[in-house]
Amino acid sequence: MRLTDFSDYSLRVLLYAAARDGQLITIEETSKVYGISRAHLMKVANQLTRAGFLRAVRGRSGGLTLAKAPAQIR
């Protein structure tokens, strides 16, 4: 099965957020870990936030975290 780049990046962000166990992750950090452009990850994170998979925390010490427990995401 082939995934689009967008789907691949979405899964990577969700897996990375789940692995961080409730800690906030940043777009910058995630882009460095996976070697994905920051601009593209911003689009992915925006869609995941709108869909209710991620929760965004604004501000200087903000970031992203899963909106639900990993076991509840289907």
N, C-alpha and C. Protein backbone atom coordinates (compact mmCIF):
# COMPACT_ATOMS: atom_id res chain seq x y z
N MET A 1 0.84 -1.17 0.00
CA MET A 1 0.00 0.00 0.00
C MET A 1 0.89 1.24 0.00
N ARG A 2 0.56 2.17 -0.83
CA ARG A 2 1.33 3.42 -0.91
C ARG A 2 0.55 4.53 -0.23
N LEU A 3 1.27 5.34 0.53
CA LEU A 3 0.67 6.49 1.19
C LEU A 3 1.10 7.76 0.47
N THR A 4 0.26 8.75 0.51
CA THR A 4 0.68 10.06 0.02
C THR A 4 1.68 10.63 1.03
N ASP A 5 2.47 11.59 0.61
CA ASP A 5 3.41 12.23 1.52
C ASP A 5 2.67 12.84 2.70
N PHE A 6 1.52 13.44 2.43
CA PHE A 6 0.74 14.08 3.49
C PHE A 6 0.31 13.05 4.54
N SER A 7 -0.16 11.90 4.09
CA SER A 7 -0.57 10.84 5.03
C SER A 7 0.62 10.30 5.81
N ASP A 8 1.73 10.12 5.12
CA ASP A 8 2.95 9.65 5.76
C ASP A 8 3.39 10.61 6.86
N TYR A 9 3.43 11.89 6.56
CA TYR A 9 3.85 12.89 7.53
C TYR A 9 2.86 12.98 8.69
N SER A 10 1.58 12.83 8.38
CA SER A 10 0.56 12.87 9.44
C SER A 10 0.77 11.73 10.43
N LEU A 11 1.01 10.54 9.91
CA LEU A 11 1.25 9.40 10.78
C LEU A 11 2.51 9.58 11.61
N ARG A 12 3.55 10.13 11.00
CA ARG A 12 4.80 10.37 11.73
C ARG A 12 4.59 11.35 12.88
N VAL A 13 3.85 12.42 12.62
CA VAL A 13 3.59 13.41 13.67
C VAL A 13 2.79 12.77 14.81
N LEU A 14 1.77 12.00 14.47
CA LEU A 14 0.96 11.35 15.50
C LEU A 14 1.77 10.35 16.31
N LEU A 15 2.61 9.57 15.65
CA LEU A 15 3.45 8.61 16.36
C LEU A 15 4.46 9.30 17.25
N TYR A 16 5.04 10.38 16.75
CA TYR A 16 6.02 11.13 17.54
C TYR A 16 5.37 11.75 18.77
N ALA A 17 4.18 12.31 18.59
CA ALA A 17 3.46 12.90 19.72
C ALA A 17 3.08 11.82 20.74
N ALA A 18 2.68 10.65 20.26
CA ALA A 18 2.32 9.56 21.17
C ALA A 18 3.54 9.07 21.95
N ALA A 19 4.69 9.03 21.29
CA ALA A 19 5.91 8.57 21.95
C ALA A 19 6.38 9.54 23.02
N ARG A 20 6.03 10.80 22.90
CA ARG A 20 6.45 11.81 23.87
C ARG A 20 5.56 11.83 25.11
N ASP A 21 4.54 11.00 25.13
CA ASP A 21 3.72 10.74 26.32
C ASP A 21 3.21 12.00 27.01
N GLY A 22 2.48 12.82 26.26
CA GLY A 22 1.85 13.99 26.85
C GLY A 22 2.69 15.25 26.88
N GLN A 23 3.98 15.16 26.57
CA GLN A 23 4.82 16.34 26.50
C GLN A 23 4.52 17.09 25.21
N LEU A 24 4.73 18.39 25.23
CA LEU A 24 4.53 19.18 24.02
C LEU A 24 5.67 18.94 23.04
N ILE A 25 5.31 18.82 21.78
CA ILE A 25 6.31 18.73 20.72
C ILE A 25 6.19 19.99 19.87
N THR A 26 7.26 20.36 19.20
CA THR A 26 7.22 21.54 18.33
C THR A 26 7.39 21.11 16.88
N ILE A 27 6.94 21.97 15.99
CA ILE A 27 7.11 21.74 14.56
C ILE A 27 8.60 21.68 14.23
N GLU A 28 9.36 22.60 14.81
CA GLU A 28 10.80 22.66 14.55
C GLU A 28 11.49 21.36 14.95
N GLU A 29 11.19 20.89 16.12
CA GLU A 29 11.77 19.65 16.64
C GLU A 29 11.41 18.46 15.74
N THR A 30 10.15 18.36 15.39
CA THR A 30 9.67 17.25 14.57
C THR A 30 10.27 17.30 13.18
N SER A 31 10.42 18.49 12.61
CA SER A 31 11.00 18.61 11.27
C SER A 31 12.46 18.16 11.27
N LYS A 32 13.18 18.43 12.35
CA LYS A 32 14.58 17.99 12.44
C LYS A 32 14.68 16.48 12.61
N VAL A 33 13.80 15.91 13.41
CA VAL A 33 13.82 14.47 13.66
C VAL A 33 13.57 13.69 12.37
N TYR A 34 12.59 14.13 11.58
CA TYR A 34 12.19 13.39 10.39
C TYR A 34 12.73 13.95 9.08
N GLY A 35 13.39 15.09 9.12
CA GLY A 35 13.93 15.67 7.89
C GLY A 35 12.85 16.15 6.93
N ILE A 36 11.77 16.67 7.48
CA ILE A 36 10.65 17.17 6.69
C ILE A 36 10.64 18.69 6.81
N SER A 37 10.26 19.37 5.74
CA SER A 37 10.26 20.83 5.78
C SER A 37 9.28 21.35 6.83
N ARG A 38 9.69 22.41 7.48
CA ARG A 38 8.88 23.03 8.54
C ARG A 38 7.53 23.51 7.99
N ALA A 39 7.56 24.10 6.80
CA ALA A 39 6.33 24.63 6.20
C ALA A 39 5.32 23.51 5.93
N HIS A 40 5.81 22.38 5.44
CA HIS A 40 4.90 21.27 5.15
C HIS A 40 4.34 20.68 6.44
N LEU A 41 5.17 20.58 7.47
CA LEU A 41 4.68 20.06 8.75
C LEU A 41 3.66 20.99 9.39
N MET A 42 3.78 22.28 9.15
CA MET A 42 2.79 23.22 9.68
C MET A 42 1.42 22.94 9.07
N LYS A 43 1.38 22.64 7.77
CA LYS A 43 0.12 22.31 7.11
C LYS A 43 -0.46 21.01 7.68
N VAL A 44 0.41 20.02 7.86
CA VAL A 44 -0.03 18.74 8.41
C VAL A 44 -0.59 18.92 9.82
N ALA A 45 0.14 19.64 10.66
CA ALA A 45 -0.28 19.85 12.05
C ALA A 45 -1.60 20.63 12.11
N ASN A 46 -1.76 21.58 11.22
CA ASN A 46 -3.00 22.36 11.17
C ASN A 46 -4.19 21.45 10.87
N GLN A 47 -4.04 20.58 9.90
CA GLN A 47 -5.12 19.66 9.54
C GLN A 47 -5.42 18.68 10.68
N LEU A 48 -4.37 18.17 11.32
CA LEU A 48 -4.57 17.23 12.43
C LEU A 48 -5.24 17.91 13.62
N THR A 49 -4.93 19.18 13.83
CA THR A 49 -5.55 19.93 14.91
C THR A 49 -7.03 20.17 14.60
N ARG A 50 -7.32 20.56 13.38
CA ARG A 50 -8.71 20.79 12.98
C ARG A 50 -9.54 19.52 13.04
N ALA A 51 -8.90 18.38 12.76
CA ALA A 51 -9.62 17.10 12.77
C ALA A 51 -9.77 16.54 14.19
N GLY A 52 -9.13 17.19 15.17
CA GLY A 52 -9.29 16.76 16.55
C GLY A 52 -8.29 15.73 17.04
N PHE A 53 -7.25 15.46 16.25
CA PHE A 53 -6.23 14.50 16.68
C PHE A 53 -5.15 15.14 17.54
N LEU A 54 -4.83 16.39 17.28
CA LEU A 54 -3.82 17.12 18.04
C LEU A 54 -4.46 18.29 18.76
N ARG A 55 -3.82 18.71 19.84
CA ARG A 55 -4.21 19.92 20.56
C ARG A 55 -3.04 20.87 20.49
N ALA A 56 -3.29 22.09 20.05
CA ALA A 56 -2.24 23.09 19.91
C ALA A 56 -2.25 24.02 21.11
N VAL A 57 -1.06 24.28 21.63
CA VAL A 57 -0.89 25.23 22.73
C VAL A 57 -0.08 26.39 22.17
N ARG A 58 -0.67 27.57 22.19
CA ARG A 58 -0.03 28.74 21.60
C ARG A 58 0.94 29.37 22.58
N GLY A 59 1.82 30.18 22.03
CA GLY A 59 2.74 30.94 22.87
C GLY A 59 4.17 30.45 22.78
N ARG A 60 5.03 31.16 23.48
CA ARG A 60 6.47 30.88 23.43
C ARG A 60 6.81 29.45 23.86
N SER A 61 6.17 28.97 24.88
CA SER A 61 6.46 27.62 25.36
C SER A 61 5.39 26.63 24.90
N GLY A 62 4.71 26.95 23.81
CA GLY A 62 3.64 26.12 23.29
C GLY A 62 4.15 24.98 22.44
N GLY A 63 3.22 24.27 21.87
CA GLY A 63 3.55 23.15 21.00
C GLY A 63 2.31 22.34 20.71
N LEU A 64 2.53 21.09 20.39
CA LEU A 64 1.44 20.19 20.03
C LEU A 64 1.48 18.96 20.93
N THR A 65 0.33 18.42 21.21
CA THR A 65 0.21 17.17 21.94
C THR A 65 -1.03 16.45 21.43
N LEU A 66 -1.11 15.17 21.71
CA LEU A 66 -2.30 14.44 21.28
C LEU A 66 -3.53 14.96 22.01
N ALA A 67 -4.63 15.05 21.29
CA ALA A 67 -5.87 15.54 21.89
C ALA A 67 -6.58 14.44 22.68
N LYS A 68 -6.26 13.18 22.36
CA LYS A 68 -6.87 12.02 23.03
C LYS A 68 -5.75 11.06 23.42
N ALA A 69 -6.08 10.13 24.27
CA ALA A 69 -5.12 9.07 24.59
C ALA A 69 -4.84 8.25 23.33
N PRO A 70 -3.62 7.77 23.15
CA PRO A 70 -3.30 7.02 21.93
C PRO A 70 -4.24 5.84 21.66
N ALA A 71 -4.71 5.18 22.70
CA ALA A 71 -5.61 4.03 22.52
C ALA A 71 -6.98 4.44 21.99
N GLN A 72 -7.35 5.70 22.14
CA GLN A 72 -8.66 6.17 21.69
C GLN A 72 -8.66 6.65 20.24
N ILE A 73 -7.50 6.77 19.63
CA ILE A 73 -7.42 7.24 18.24
C ILE A 73 -7.60 6.06 17.31
N ARG A 74 -8.57 6.19 16.42
CA ARG A 74 -8.86 5.12 15.45
C ARG A 74 -8.91 5.69 14.06
